mmCIF file of all heavy atoms, coordinates in Angstrom:
data_MODEL
# 
_entry.id   MODEL 
# 
loop_
_atom_site.group_PDB 
_atom_site.id 
_atom_site.type_symbol 
_atom_site.label_atom_id 
_atom_site.label_alt_id 
_atom_site.label_comp_id 
_atom_site.label_asym_id 
_atom_site.label_entity_id 
_atom_site.label_seq_id 
_atom_site.pdbx_PDB_ins_code 
_atom_site.Cartn_x 
_atom_site.Cartn_y 
_atom_site.Cartn_z 
_atom_site.occupancy 
_atom_site.B_iso_or_equiv 
_atom_site.pdbx_formal_charge 
_atom_site.auth_seq_id 
_atom_site.auth_comp_id 
_atom_site.auth_asym_id 
_atom_site.auth_atom_id 
_atom_site.pdbx_PDB_model_num 
ATOM 1   N N   . TYR A 1 1  ? 19.163 143.040 145.142 1.00 0.00 ? 1  TYR A N   1 
ATOM 2   C CA  . TYR A 1 1  ? 20.569 142.678 145.294 1.00 0.00 ? 1  TYR A CA  1 
ATOM 3   C C   . TYR A 1 1  ? 21.470 143.490 144.361 1.00 0.00 ? 1  TYR A C   1 
ATOM 4   O O   . TYR A 1 1  ? 22.671 143.243 144.311 1.00 0.00 ? 1  TYR A O   1 
ATOM 5   C CB  . TYR A 1 1  ? 20.766 141.182 145.043 1.00 0.00 ? 1  TYR A CB  1 
ATOM 6   C CG  . TYR A 1 1  ? 20.342 140.318 146.209 1.00 0.00 ? 1  TYR A CG  1 
ATOM 7   C CD1 . TYR A 1 1  ? 19.022 139.910 146.356 1.00 0.00 ? 1  TYR A CD1 1 
ATOM 8   C CD2 . TYR A 1 1  ? 21.259 139.914 147.176 1.00 0.00 ? 1  TYR A CD2 1 
ATOM 9   C CE1 . TYR A 1 1  ? 18.619 139.124 147.436 1.00 0.00 ? 1  TYR A CE1 1 
ATOM 10  C CE2 . TYR A 1 1  ? 20.870 139.131 148.247 1.00 0.00 ? 1  TYR A CE2 1 
ATOM 11  C CZ  . TYR A 1 1  ? 19.553 138.736 148.373 1.00 0.00 ? 1  TYR A CZ  1 
ATOM 12  O OH  . TYR A 1 1  ? 19.165 137.959 149.434 1.00 0.00 ? 1  TYR A OH  1 
ATOM 13  N N   . ARG A 1 2  ? 20.903 144.417 143.631 1.00 0.00 ? 2  ARG A N   1 
ATOM 14  C CA  . ARG A 1 2  ? 21.636 145.332 142.760 1.00 0.00 ? 2  ARG A CA  1 
ATOM 15  C C   . ARG A 1 2  ? 22.532 144.607 141.750 1.00 0.00 ? 2  ARG A C   1 
ATOM 16  O O   . ARG A 1 2  ? 23.733 144.899 141.639 1.00 0.00 ? 2  ARG A O   1 
ATOM 17  C CB  . ARG A 1 2  ? 22.456 146.327 143.587 1.00 0.00 ? 2  ARG A CB  1 
ATOM 18  C CG  . ARG A 1 2  ? 21.642 147.202 144.513 1.00 0.00 ? 2  ARG A CG  1 
ATOM 19  C CD  . ARG A 1 2  ? 22.487 148.171 145.319 1.00 0.00 ? 2  ARG A CD  1 
ATOM 20  N NE  . ARG A 1 2  ? 23.187 149.096 144.446 1.00 0.00 ? 2  ARG A NE  1 
ATOM 21  C CZ  . ARG A 1 2  ? 24.511 149.127 144.292 1.00 0.00 ? 2  ARG A CZ  1 
ATOM 22  N NH1 . ARG A 1 2  ? 25.274 148.271 144.950 1.00 0.00 ? 2  ARG A NH1 1 
ATOM 23  N NH2 . ARG A 1 2  ? 25.077 149.997 143.493 1.00 0.00 ? 2  ARG A NH2 1 
ATOM 24  N N   . PRO A 1 3  ? 21.982 143.653 141.000 1.00 0.00 ? 3  PRO A N   1 
ATOM 25  C CA  . PRO A 1 3  ? 22.811 143.010 139.974 1.00 0.00 ? 3  PRO A CA  1 
ATOM 26  C C   . PRO A 1 3  ? 23.182 144.030 138.905 1.00 0.00 ? 3  PRO A C   1 
ATOM 27  O O   . PRO A 1 3  ? 22.449 144.999 138.668 1.00 0.00 ? 3  PRO A O   1 
ATOM 28  C CB  . PRO A 1 3  ? 21.904 141.916 139.416 1.00 0.00 ? 3  PRO A CB  1 
ATOM 29  C CG  . PRO A 1 3  ? 20.527 142.445 139.627 1.00 0.00 ? 3  PRO A CG  1 
ATOM 30  C CD  . PRO A 1 3  ? 20.580 143.190 140.935 1.00 0.00 ? 3  PRO A CD  1 
ATOM 31  N N   . ASP A 1 4  ? 24.298 143.806 138.252 1.00 0.00 ? 4  ASP A N   1 
ATOM 32  C CA  . ASP A 1 4  ? 24.701 144.701 137.172 1.00 0.00 ? 4  ASP A CA  1 
ATOM 33  C C   . ASP A 1 4  ? 23.784 144.555 135.962 1.00 0.00 ? 4  ASP A C   1 
ATOM 34  O O   . ASP A 1 4  ? 23.729 145.450 135.115 1.00 0.00 ? 4  ASP A O   1 
ATOM 35  C CB  . ASP A 1 4  ? 26.142 144.420 136.771 1.00 0.00 ? 4  ASP A CB  1 
ATOM 36  C CG  . ASP A 1 4  ? 27.121 144.726 137.903 1.00 0.00 ? 4  ASP A CG  1 
ATOM 37  O OD1 . ASP A 1 4  ? 26.804 145.597 138.737 1.00 0.00 ? 4  ASP A OD1 1 
ATOM 38  O OD2 . ASP A 1 4  ? 28.193 144.081 137.961 1.00 0.00 ? 4  ASP A OD2 1 
ATOM 39  N N   . GLY A 1 5  ? 23.086 143.433 135.848 1.00 0.00 ? 5  GLY A N   1 
ATOM 40  C CA  . GLY A 1 5  ? 22.146 143.195 134.763 1.00 0.00 ? 5  GLY A CA  1 
ATOM 41  C C   . GLY A 1 5  ? 21.476 141.850 134.969 1.00 0.00 ? 5  GLY A C   1 
ATOM 42  O O   . GLY A 1 5  ? 21.821 141.113 135.888 1.00 0.00 ? 5  GLY A O   1 
ATOM 43  N N   . MET A 1 6  ? 20.487 141.531 134.106 1.00 0.00 ? 6  MET A N   1 
ATOM 44  C CA  . MET A 1 6  ? 19.750 140.278 134.258 1.00 0.00 ? 6  MET A CA  1 
ATOM 45  C C   . MET A 1 6  ? 19.533 139.600 132.907 1.00 0.00 ? 6  MET A C   1 
ATOM 46  O O   . MET A 1 6  ? 19.282 140.265 131.895 1.00 0.00 ? 6  MET A O   1 
ATOM 47  C CB  . MET A 1 6  ? 18.370 140.513 134.876 1.00 0.00 ? 6  MET A CB  1 
ATOM 48  C CG  . MET A 1 6  ? 18.357 140.977 136.309 1.00 0.00 ? 6  MET A CG  1 
ATOM 49  S SD  . MET A 1 6  ? 16.650 140.908 136.962 1.00 0.00 ? 6  MET A SD  1 
ATOM 50  C CE  . MET A 1 6  ? 16.800 141.983 138.380 1.00 0.00 ? 6  MET A CE  1 
ATOM 51  N N   . VAL A 1 7  ? 19.620 138.274 132.928 1.00 0.00 ? 7  VAL A N   1 
ATOM 52  C CA  . VAL A 1 7  ? 19.163 137.422 131.831 1.00 0.00 ? 7  VAL A CA  1 
ATOM 53  C C   . VAL A 1 7  ? 17.813 136.849 132.260 1.00 0.00 ? 7  VAL A C   1 
ATOM 54  O O   . VAL A 1 7  ? 17.698 136.280 133.344 1.00 0.00 ? 7  VAL A O   1 
ATOM 55  C CB  . VAL A 1 7  ? 20.148 136.273 131.542 1.00 0.00 ? 7  VAL A CB  1 
ATOM 56  C CG1 . VAL A 1 7  ? 19.576 135.336 130.481 1.00 0.00 ? 7  VAL A CG1 1 
ATOM 57  C CG2 . VAL A 1 7  ? 21.499 136.817 131.097 1.00 0.00 ? 7  VAL A CG2 1 
ATOM 58  N N   . ILE A 1 8  ? 16.806 136.998 131.398 1.00 0.00 ? 8  ILE A N   1 
ATOM 59  C CA  . ILE A 1 8  ? 15.451 136.609 131.796 1.00 0.00 ? 8  ILE A CA  1 
ATOM 60  C C   . ILE A 1 8  ? 14.818 135.706 130.747 1.00 0.00 ? 8  ILE A C   1 
ATOM 61  O O   . ILE A 1 8  ? 14.855 136.002 129.546 1.00 0.00 ? 8  ILE A O   1 
ATOM 62  C CB  . ILE A 1 8  ? 14.558 137.852 131.999 1.00 0.00 ? 8  ILE A CB  1 
ATOM 63  C CG1 . ILE A 1 8  ? 15.049 138.665 133.196 1.00 0.00 ? 8  ILE A CG1 1 
ATOM 64  C CG2 . ILE A 1 8  ? 13.101 137.459 132.185 1.00 0.00 ? 8  ILE A CG2 1 
ATOM 65  C CD1 . ILE A 1 8  ? 14.293 139.955 133.392 1.00 0.00 ? 8  ILE A CD1 1 
ATOM 66  N N   . CYS A 1 9  ? 14.254 134.596 131.212 1.00 0.00 ? 9  CYS A N   1 
ATOM 67  C CA  . CYS A 1 9  ? 13.355 133.780 130.396 1.00 0.00 ? 9  CYS A CA  1 
ATOM 68  C C   . CYS A 1 9  ? 11.980 133.916 131.037 1.00 0.00 ? 9  CYS A C   1 
ATOM 69  O O   . CYS A 1 9  ? 11.740 133.405 132.128 1.00 0.00 ? 9  CYS A O   1 
ATOM 70  C CB  . CYS A 1 9  ? 13.809 132.321 130.352 1.00 0.00 ? 9  CYS A CB  1 
ATOM 71  S SG  . CYS A 1 9  ? 12.801 131.325 129.231 1.00 0.00 ? 9  CYS A SG  1 
ATOM 72  N N   . ALA A 1 10 ? 11.099 134.623 130.380 1.00 0.00 ? 10 ALA A N   1 
ATOM 73  C CA  . ALA A 1 10 ? 9.858  135.090 130.992 1.00 0.00 ? 10 ALA A CA  1 
ATOM 74  C C   . ALA A 1 10 ? 8.827  133.981 131.165 1.00 0.00 ? 10 ALA A C   1 
ATOM 75  O O   . ALA A 1 10 ? 8.766  133.025 130.379 1.00 0.00 ? 10 ALA A O   1 
ATOM 76  C CB  . ALA A 1 10 ? 9.254  136.203 130.145 1.00 0.00 ? 10 ALA A CB  1 
ATOM 77  N N   . ALA A 1 11 ? 8.013  134.132 132.184 1.00 0.00 ? 11 ALA A N   1 
ATOM 78  C CA  . ALA A 1 11 ? 6.869  133.238 132.390 1.00 0.00 ? 11 ALA A CA  1 
ATOM 79  C C   . ALA A 1 11 ? 5.838  133.470 131.286 1.00 0.00 ? 11 ALA A C   1 
ATOM 80  O O   . ALA A 1 11 ? 5.737  134.565 130.716 1.00 0.00 ? 11 ALA A O   1 
ATOM 81  C CB  . ALA A 1 11 ? 6.241  133.489 133.757 1.00 0.00 ? 11 ALA A CB  1 
ATOM 82  N N   . GLY A 1 12 ? 5.071  132.435 130.976 1.00 0.00 ? 12 GLY A N   1 
ATOM 83  C CA  . GLY A 1 12 ? 4.039  132.546 129.965 1.00 0.00 ? 12 GLY A CA  1 
ATOM 84  C C   . GLY A 1 12 ? 3.028  133.632 130.311 1.00 0.00 ? 12 GLY A C   1 
ATOM 85  O O   . GLY A 1 12 ? 2.601  133.759 131.449 1.00 0.00 ? 12 GLY A O   1 
ATOM 86  N N   . GLY A 1 13 ? 2.654  134.427 129.294 1.00 0.00 ? 13 GLY A N   1 
ATOM 87  C CA  . GLY A 1 13 ? 1.703  135.507 129.508 1.00 0.00 ? 13 GLY A CA  1 
ATOM 88  C C   . GLY A 1 13 ? 2.334  136.831 129.877 1.00 0.00 ? 13 GLY A C   1 
ATOM 89  O O   . GLY A 1 13 ? 1.637  137.828 130.066 1.00 0.00 ? 13 GLY A O   1 
ATOM 90  N N   . SER A 1 14 ? 3.669  136.885 129.994 1.00 0.00 ? 14 SER A N   1 
ATOM 91  C CA  . SER A 1 14 ? 4.348  138.140 130.300 1.00 0.00 ? 14 SER A CA  1 
ATOM 92  C C   . SER A 1 14 ? 4.142  139.137 129.160 1.00 0.00 ? 14 SER A C   1 
ATOM 93  O O   . SER A 1 14 ? 4.040  138.771 127.986 1.00 0.00 ? 14 SER A O   1 
ATOM 94  C CB  . SER A 1 14 ? 5.844  137.902 130.505 1.00 0.00 ? 14 SER A CB  1 
ATOM 95  O OG  . SER A 1 14 ? 6.090  137.092 131.631 1.00 0.00 ? 14 SER A OG  1 
ATOM 96  N N   . THR A 1 15 ? 4.102  140.425 129.519 1.00 0.00 ? 15 THR A N   1 
ATOM 97  C CA  . THR A 1 15 ? 3.967  141.502 128.536 1.00 0.00 ? 15 THR A CA  1 
ATOM 98  C C   . THR A 1 15 ? 5.100  142.494 128.742 1.00 0.00 ? 15 THR A C   1 
ATOM 99  O O   . THR A 1 15 ? 5.891  142.384 129.687 1.00 0.00 ? 15 THR A O   1 
ATOM 100 C CB  . THR A 1 15 ? 2.626  142.220 128.691 1.00 0.00 ? 15 THR A CB  1 
ATOM 101 O OG1 . THR A 1 15 ? 2.597  142.868 129.976 1.00 0.00 ? 15 THR A OG1 1 
ATOM 102 C CG2 . THR A 1 15 ? 1.456  141.237 128.596 1.00 0.00 ? 15 THR A CG2 1 
ATOM 103 N N   . ALA A 1 16 ? 5.151  143.503 127.877 1.00 0.00 ? 16 ALA A N   1 
ATOM 104 C CA  . ALA A 1 16 ? 6.174  144.531 128.020 1.00 0.00 ? 16 ALA A CA  1 
ATOM 105 C C   . ALA A 1 16 ? 6.057  145.229 129.370 1.00 0.00 ? 16 ALA A C   1 
ATOM 106 O O   . ALA A 1 16 ? 7.065  145.589 129.985 1.00 0.00 ? 16 ALA A O   1 
ATOM 107 C CB  . ALA A 1 16 ? 6.051  145.539 126.877 1.00 0.00 ? 16 ALA A CB  1 
ATOM 108 N N   . GLU A 1 17 ? 4.827  145.408 129.854 1.00 0.00 ? 17 GLU A N   1 
ATOM 109 C CA  . GLU A 1 17 ? 4.618  146.074 131.140 1.00 0.00 ? 17 GLU A CA  1 
ATOM 110 C C   . GLU A 1 17 ? 5.180  145.264 132.303 1.00 0.00 ? 17 GLU A C   1 
ATOM 111 O O   . GLU A 1 17 ? 5.546  145.814 133.344 1.00 0.00 ? 17 GLU A O   1 
ATOM 112 C CB  . GLU A 1 17 ? 3.127  146.329 131.372 1.00 0.00 ? 17 GLU A CB  1 
ATOM 113 C CG  . GLU A 1 17 ? 2.512  147.389 130.472 1.00 0.00 ? 17 GLU A CG  1 
ATOM 114 C CD  . GLU A 1 17 ? 2.336  146.906 129.030 1.00 0.00 ? 17 GLU A CD  1 
ATOM 115 O OE1 . GLU A 1 17 ? 2.237  145.666 128.818 1.00 0.00 ? 17 GLU A OE1 1 
ATOM 116 O OE2 . GLU A 1 17 ? 2.325  147.766 128.119 1.00 0.00 ? 17 GLU A OE2 1 
ATOM 117 N N   . THR A 1 18 ? 5.273  143.941 132.129 1.00 0.00 ? 18 THR A N   1 
ATOM 118 C CA  . THR A 1 18 ? 5.784  143.075 133.190 1.00 0.00 ? 18 THR A CA  1 
ATOM 119 C C   . THR A 1 18 ? 7.173  143.495 133.640 1.00 0.00 ? 18 THR A C   1 
ATOM 120 O O   . THR A 1 18 ? 7.516  143.400 134.819 1.00 0.00 ? 18 THR A O   1 
ATOM 121 C CB  . THR A 1 18 ? 5.818  141.610 132.705 1.00 0.00 ? 18 THR A CB  1 
ATOM 122 O OG1 . THR A 1 18 ? 4.502  141.212 132.285 1.00 0.00 ? 18 THR A OG1 1 
ATOM 123 C CG2 . THR A 1 18 ? 6.302  140.673 133.809 1.00 0.00 ? 18 THR A CG2 1 
ATOM 124 N N   . PHE A 1 19 ? 7.984  143.975 132.708 1.00 0.00 ? 19 PHE A N   1 
ATOM 125 C CA  . PHE A 1 19 ? 9.375  144.303 133.016 1.00 0.00 ? 19 PHE A CA  1 
ATOM 126 C C   . PHE A 1 19 ? 9.620  145.809 133.084 1.00 0.00 ? 19 PHE A C   1 
ATOM 127 O O   . PHE A 1 19 ? 10.758 146.253 133.116 1.00 0.00 ? 19 PHE A O   1 
ATOM 128 C CB  . PHE A 1 19 ? 10.301 143.657 131.983 1.00 0.00 ? 19 PHE A CB  1 
ATOM 129 C CG  . PHE A 1 19 ? 10.124 142.172 131.896 1.00 0.00 ? 19 PHE A CG  1 
ATOM 130 C CD1 . PHE A 1 19 ? 9.435  141.600 130.851 1.00 0.00 ? 19 PHE A CD1 1 
ATOM 131 C CD2 . PHE A 1 19 ? 10.604 141.357 132.902 1.00 0.00 ? 19 PHE A CD2 1 
ATOM 132 C CE1 . PHE A 1 19 ? 9.244  140.228 130.793 1.00 0.00 ? 19 PHE A CE1 1 
ATOM 133 C CE2 . PHE A 1 19 ? 10.420 139.991 132.856 1.00 0.00 ? 19 PHE A CE2 1 
ATOM 134 C CZ  . PHE A 1 19 ? 9.729  139.419 131.801 1.00 0.00 ? 19 PHE A CZ  1 
ATOM 135 N N   . GLY A 1 20 ? 8.520  146.584 133.129 1.00 0.00 ? 20 GLY A N   1 
ATOM 136 C CA  . GLY A 1 20 ? 8.644  148.031 133.160 1.00 0.00 ? 20 GLY A CA  1 
ATOM 137 C C   . GLY A 1 20 ? 9.423  148.537 134.357 1.00 0.00 ? 20 GLY A C   1 
ATOM 138 O O   . GLY A 1 20 ? 10.208 149.488 134.257 1.00 0.00 ? 20 GLY A O   1 
ATOM 139 N N   . HIS A 1 21 ? 9.252  147.882 135.532 1.00 0.00 ? 21 HIS A N   1 
ATOM 140 C CA  . HIS A 1 21 ? 9.940  148.364 136.734 1.00 0.00 ? 21 HIS A CA  1 
ATOM 141 C C   . HIS A 1 21 ? 11.444 148.146 136.636 1.00 0.00 ? 21 HIS A C   1 
ATOM 142 O O   . HIS A 1 21 ? 12.229 148.934 137.174 1.00 0.00 ? 21 HIS A O   1 
ATOM 143 C CB  . HIS A 1 21 ? 9.371  147.677 137.976 1.00 0.00 ? 21 HIS A CB  1 
ATOM 144 C CG  . HIS A 1 21 ? 9.606  146.205 138.048 1.00 0.00 ? 21 HIS A CG  1 
ATOM 145 N ND1 . HIS A 1 21 ? 10.572 145.630 138.834 1.00 0.00 ? 21 HIS A ND1 1 
ATOM 146 C CD2 . HIS A 1 21 ? 8.985  145.173 137.403 1.00 0.00 ? 21 HIS A CD2 1 
ATOM 147 C CE1 . HIS A 1 21 ? 10.530 144.314 138.693 1.00 0.00 ? 21 HIS A CE1 1 
ATOM 148 N NE2 . HIS A 1 21 ? 9.588  144.010 137.829 1.00 0.00 ? 21 HIS A NE2 1 
ATOM 149 N N   . LEU A 1 22 ? 11.863 147.085 135.937 1.00 0.00 ? 22 LEU A N   1 
ATOM 150 C CA  . LEU A 1 22 ? 13.303 146.838 135.765 1.00 0.00 ? 22 LEU A CA  1 
ATOM 151 C C   . LEU A 1 22 ? 13.901 147.835 134.776 1.00 0.00 ? 22 LEU A C   1 
ATOM 152 O O   . LEU A 1 22 ? 14.997 148.361 134.989 1.00 0.00 ? 22 LEU A O   1 
ATOM 153 C CB  . LEU A 1 22 ? 13.535 145.409 135.278 1.00 0.00 ? 22 LEU A CB  1 
ATOM 154 C CG  . LEU A 1 22 ? 13.134 144.287 136.229 1.00 0.00 ? 22 LEU A CG  1 
ATOM 155 C CD1 . LEU A 1 22 ? 13.327 142.933 135.553 1.00 0.00 ? 22 LEU A CD1 1 
ATOM 156 C CD2 . LEU A 1 22 ? 13.944 144.343 137.520 1.00 0.00 ? 22 LEU A CD2 1 
ATOM 157 N N   . ILE A 1 23 ? 13.163 148.091 133.695 1.00 0.00 ? 23 ILE A N   1 
ATOM 158 C CA  . ILE A 1 23 ? 13.642 149.040 132.690 1.00 0.00 ? 23 ILE A CA  1 
ATOM 159 C C   . ILE A 1 23 ? 13.715 150.443 133.292 1.00 0.00 ? 23 ILE A C   1 
ATOM 160 O O   . ILE A 1 23 ? 14.688 151.181 133.085 1.00 0.00 ? 23 ILE A O   1 
ATOM 161 C CB  . ILE A 1 23 ? 12.723 149.003 131.457 1.00 0.00 ? 23 ILE A CB  1 
ATOM 162 C CG1 . ILE A 1 23 ? 12.810 147.620 130.789 1.00 0.00 ? 23 ILE A CG1 1 
ATOM 163 C CG2 . ILE A 1 23 ? 13.094 150.105 130.473 1.00 0.00 ? 23 ILE A CG2 1 
ATOM 164 C CD1 . ILE A 1 23 ? 11.776 147.388 129.714 1.00 0.00 ? 23 ILE A CD1 1 
ATOM 165 N N   . ALA A 1 24 ? 12.691 150.805 134.083 1.00 0.00 ? 24 ALA A N   1 
ATOM 166 C CA  . ALA A 1 24 ? 12.678 152.119 134.720 1.00 0.00 ? 24 ALA A CA  1 
ATOM 167 C C   . ALA A 1 24 ? 13.835 152.275 135.695 1.00 0.00 ? 24 ALA A C   1 
ATOM 168 O O   . ALA A 1 24 ? 14.366 153.379 135.876 1.00 0.00 ? 24 ALA A O   1 
ATOM 169 C CB  . ALA A 1 24 ? 11.353 152.339 135.443 1.00 0.00 ? 24 ALA A CB  1 
# 
């Protein structure tokens, strides 16, 4: 949906790699 940005409260067990696609 092309948001301008996101606020995230991560699920348990999330790692830095979990959000790599958003950062990329």
